[in-house]
């Protein structure tokens, strides 16, 4: 991923927090000479030794887990939807007209070695954590114990776990840091005027990353 210095994010806690909020990874692997991409919700955690690992699962019918046996180097991409930024929001447009559209977005890339985990106990524990991470904010959170035990046992036989030992995390926050202060103000105003949650969220990121703040 191309990351200009002004867009670079190296704070581990910030990167971890983004992954936790955007857990659906695009997992890139190789199948012979071809690239393959699968979309898998993953959890970032630490091993007993403190190493970072990403954990997920796929259907046993998905050939992804068999490919990992031959090609262990993988890339997991986490990102938000981002938003189109019109040059009409830039104050400098009225002065020079030397402006073009762009796209603001945030992305984190995690790369490392993957292994397959075909262990019902591991899978059950992982699914419990994954479910808790996505259900805990609900008034009546669903949990594995809510389903019949024999049903869960049968479902565990139909999936395979994936664990990635994370060797590198790269973060990119492309949120107008390269623009003039007056243009940044225009972007924030324009995004907030749209009113939808994604626009408000990106406006907050633009404000937080404003150079000098």
Protein backbone atom coordinates (compact mmCIF):
# COMPACT_ATOMS: atom_id res chain seq x y z
CA UNK A 1 0.00 0.00 0.00
CA UNK A 2 1.33 3.43 -0.96
CA UNK A 3 1.38 5.55 2.21
CA UNK A 4 2.67 9.14 1.99
CA UNK A 5 4.13 10.29 5.28
CA UNK A 6 1.28 12.71 5.92
CA UNK A 7 -1.23 9.81 5.81
CA UNK A 8 0.83 7.31 7.81
CA UNK A 9 -0.41 5.89 11.13
CA UNK A 10 1.95 3.85 13.31
CA UNK A 11 0.24 3.92 16.70
CA UNK A 12 -0.44 0.26 17.55
CA UNK A 13 -3.45 1.01 19.74
CA UNK A 14 -5.03 3.14 17.01
CA UNK A 15 -4.52 0.36 14.45
CA UNK A 16 -5.89 -2.28 16.82
CA UNK A 17 -8.92 -0.11 17.59
CA UNK A 18 -9.70 0.36 13.91
CA UNK A 19 -9.58 -3.40 13.28
CA UNK A 20 -11.92 -3.97 16.22
CA UNK A 21 -14.41 -1.48 14.77
CA UNK A 22 -14.09 -2.79 11.20
CA UNK A 23 -13.57 -6.56 11.64
CA UNK A 24 -14.56 -7.70 8.14
CA UNK A 25 -11.21 -8.45 6.49
CA UNK A 26 -10.47 -8.91 2.81
CA UNK A 27 -8.05 -11.83 3.07
CA UNK A 28 -5.71 -12.04 0.07
CA UNK A 29 -4.04 -15.37 -0.72
CA UNK A 30 -2.43 -17.06 -3.71
CA UNK A 31 -3.82 -19.94 -5.77
CA UNK A 32 -0.98 -20.90 -8.07
CA UNK A 33 -0.30 -17.76 -10.10
CA UNK A 34 -3.63 -16.13 -9.26
CA UNK A 35 -4.59 -13.80 -6.44
CA UNK A 36 -7.69 -14.73 -4.43
CA UNK A 37 -9.68 -12.54 -2.05
CA UNK A 38 -12.14 -13.73 0.60
CA UNK A 39 -14.16 -11.65 3.04
CA UNK A 40 -13.89 -12.92 6.60
CA UNK A 41 -14.70 -11.33 9.99
CA UNK A 42 -11.58 -11.57 12.15
CA UNK A 43 -10.54 -10.82 15.71
CA UNK A 44 -7.15 -9.40 16.66
CA UNK A 45 -5.75 -10.78 19.92
CA UNK A 46 -2.47 -11.65 21.60
CA UNK A 47 -0.93 -15.01 22.33
CA UNK A 48 0.47 -15.92 25.73
CA UNK A 49 3.86 -14.70 24.48
CA UNK A 50 2.45 -11.32 23.47
CA UNK A 51 2.48 -11.90 19.70
CA UNK A 52 -0.41 -10.44 17.71
CA UNK A 53 -2.68 -12.89 15.89
CA UNK A 54 -5.73 -12.52 13.70
CA UNK A 55 -8.29 -15.28 14.03
CA UNK A 56 -11.20 -16.18 11.80
CA UNK A 57 -13.01 -19.11 10.21
CA UNK A 58 -14.37 -20.25 6.87
CA UNK A 59 -16.77 -22.91 5.66
CA UNK A 60 -15.11 -26.27 5.16
CA UNK A 61 -16.30 -26.14 1.57
CA UNK A 62 -14.26 -22.96 0.98
CA UNK A 63 -10.99 -23.90 -0.80
CA UNK A 64 -9.23 -21.02 0.97
CA UNK A 65 -8.17 -23.15 3.91
CA UNK A 66 -6.56 -25.73 1.63
CA UNK A 67 -4.61 -23.01 -0.21
CA UNK A 68 -3.13 -21.78 3.04
CA UNK A 69 -1.33 -25.09 3.41
CA UNK A 70 0.80 -24.25 0.36
CA UNK A 71 0.95 -20.45 0.55
CA UNK A 72 1.26 -19.27 4.14
CA UNK A 73 2.02 -15.59 3.45
CA UNK A 74 -1.27 -13.69 3.49
CA UNK A 75 -2.57 -10.13 3.60
CA UNK A 76 -5.66 -9.02 5.53
CA UNK A 77 -7.13 -5.65 4.55
CA UNK A 78 -9.43 -3.74 6.91
CA UNK A 79 -11.08 -0.52 5.74
CA UNK A 80 -14.04 1.79 6.09
CA UNK A 81 -16.26 2.73 3.11
CA UNK A 82 -14.63 6.15 2.76
CA UNK A 83 -16.31 9.04 0.96
CA UNK A 84 -15.95 11.04 -2.24
CA UNK A 85 -14.59 14.55 -1.68
CA UNK A 86 -15.74 17.16 -4.17
CA UNK A 87 -13.33 19.99 -5.06
CA UNK A 88 -16.30 22.33 -4.70
CA UNK A 89 -15.70 22.19 -0.93
CA UNK A 90 -12.21 23.67 -1.26
CA UNK A 91 -11.91 27.40 -0.62
CA UNK A 92 -8.93 27.46 -2.99
CA UNK A 93 -11.19 26.41 -5.89
CA UNK A 94 -12.56 29.93 -6.17
CA UNK A 95 -9.03 31.35 -6.23
CA UNK A 96 -7.14 29.09 -8.64
CA UNK A 97 -9.52 26.37 -9.89
CA UNK A 98 -6.46 24.08 -9.68
CA UNK A 99 -8.26 21.38 -7.70
CA UNK A 100 -9.54 17.87 -8.44
CA UNK A 101 -11.83 15.38 -6.69
CA UNK A 102 -10.46 12.74 -4.33
CA UNK A 103 -11.58 10.00 -1.96
CA UNK A 104 -11.03 10.08 1.80
CA UNK A 105 -10.68 6.72 3.53
CA UNK A 106 -8.97 4.79 6.31
CA UNK A 107 -7.32 1.39 5.85
CA UNK A 108 -5.15 -1.00 7.84
CA UNK A 109 -3.16 -3.81 6.22
CA UNK A 110 -2.01 -6.80 8.29
CA UNK A 111 0.41 -9.29 6.79
CA UNK A 112 1.95 -12.45 8.18
CA UNK A 113 1.95 -16.23 8.16
CA UNK A 114 -1.33 -18.13 8.32
CA UNK A 115 -2.10 -21.58 9.65
CA UNK A 116 -5.19 -23.76 9.67
CA UNK A 117 -6.81 -24.75 12.97
CA UNK A 118 -9.06 -27.80 12.63
CA UNK A 119 -9.84 -28.18 16.32
CA UNK A 120 -13.43 -28.11 17.68
CA UNK A 121 -12.33 -26.76 21.08
CA UNK A 122 -10.38 -23.89 19.47
CA UNK A 123 -13.28 -23.13 17.15
CA UNK A 124 -15.86 -23.13 19.93
CA UNK A 125 -13.77 -20.76 22.05
CA UNK A 126 -13.11 -18.49 19.07
CA UNK A 127 -16.78 -18.35 18.05
CA UNK A 128 -17.66 -17.48 21.63
CA UNK A 129 -15.27 -14.49 21.50
CA UNK A 130 -16.43 -13.46 18.04
CA UNK A 131 -20.06 -13.60 19.07
CA UNK A 132 -19.40 -11.64 22.26
CA UNK A 133 -17.53 -8.94 20.33
CA UNK A 134 -20.54 -8.40 18.07
CA UNK A 135 -23.41 -9.06 20.49
CA UNK A 136 -22.27 -7.55 23.81
CA UNK A 137 -23.76 -4.10 23.05
CA UNK A 138 -27.25 -5.55 22.56
CA UNK A 139 -29.91 -5.50 25.27
CA UNK A 140 -30.35 -9.27 24.95
CA UNK A 141 -27.11 -10.55 23.39
CA UNK A 142 -27.21 -13.88 21.62
CA UNK A 143 -24.63 -16.49 22.68
CA UNK A 144 -23.66 -19.97 21.58
CA UNK A 145 -25.46 -21.52 24.54
CA UNK A 146 -28.76 -20.19 23.15
CA UNK A 147 -28.63 -22.79 20.36
CA UNK A 148 -29.01 -26.54 20.95
CA UNK A 149 -25.68 -28.16 21.84
CA UNK A 150 -25.95 -30.83 19.15
CA UNK A 151 -26.67 -28.15 16.54
CA UNK A 152 -23.55 -26.17 17.50
CA UNK A 153 -21.50 -29.37 17.42
CA UNK A 154 -22.70 -30.11 13.88
CA UNK A 155 -21.94 -26.53 12.79
CA UNK A 156 -18.39 -26.76 14.18
CA UNK A 157 -17.76 -29.75 11.91
CA UNK A 158 -18.64 -27.57 8.91
CA UNK A 159 -16.00 -24.85 9.51
CA UNK A 160 -12.23 -24.52 9.73
CA UNK A 161 -10.28 -21.96 11.74
CA UNK A 162 -7.60 -19.63 10.41
CA UNK A 163 -4.94 -17.94 12.52
CA UNK A 164 -2.51 -15.34 11.18
CA UNK A 165 0.66 -14.47 13.08
CA UNK A 166 0.84 -10.76 12.32
CA UNK A 167 4.31 -9.69 11.21
CA UNK A 168 3.43 -6.19 10.00
CA UNK A 169 0.63 -3.65 10.45
CA UNK A 170 0.39 -0.65 8.12
CA UNK A 171 -2.15 2.12 8.66
CA UNK A 172 -3.27 4.82 6.23
CA UNK A 173 -5.54 7.70 7.28
CA UNK A 174 -6.18 9.65 4.06
CA UNK A 175 -8.38 12.43 5.40
CA UNK A 176 -7.36 15.69 3.70
CA UNK A 177 -4.16 16.29 5.72
CA UNK A 178 -2.43 17.40 2.51
CA UNK A 179 -4.84 20.29 1.90
CA UNK A 180 -4.63 23.92 2.97
CA UNK A 181 -6.32 24.72 6.33
CA UNK A 182 -9.12 26.62 4.56
CA UNK A 183 -9.73 23.65 2.28
CA UNK A 184 -9.83 21.31 5.27
CA UNK A 185 -12.45 23.56 6.87
CA UNK A 186 -14.47 23.35 3.66
CA UNK A 187 -14.28 19.56 3.63
CA UNK A 188 -15.51 19.33 7.23
CA UNK A 189 -18.37 21.75 6.55
CA UNK A 190 -19.34 19.94 3.36
CA UNK A 191 -19.32 16.51 5.00
CA UNK A 192 -21.34 17.63 8.00
CA UNK A 193 -23.90 19.22 5.69
CA UNK A 194 -24.55 15.79 4.15
CA UNK A 195 -25.79 14.62 7.53
CA UNK A 196 -25.41 10.87 7.09
CA UNK A 197 -23.44 8.87 9.68
CA UNK A 198 -20.55 8.00 7.36
CA UNK A 199 -20.08 11.64 6.37
CA UNK A 200 -20.16 12.76 10.01
CA UNK A 201 -17.63 10.07 10.92
CA UNK A 202 -15.24 11.07 8.13
CA UNK A 203 -15.66 14.75 9.09
CA UNK A 204 -14.55 13.82 12.61
CA UNK A 205 -11.49 12.02 11.25
CA UNK A 206 -10.62 15.03 9.08
CA UNK A 207 -10.86 17.32 12.11
CA UNK A 208 -8.80 14.98 14.30
CA UNK A 209 -6.04 14.65 11.71
CA UNK A 210 -5.88 18.34 10.85
CA UNK A 211 -2.13 19.25 10.80
CA UNK A 212 -1.14 21.11 13.93
CA UNK A 213 -3.95 19.78 16.12
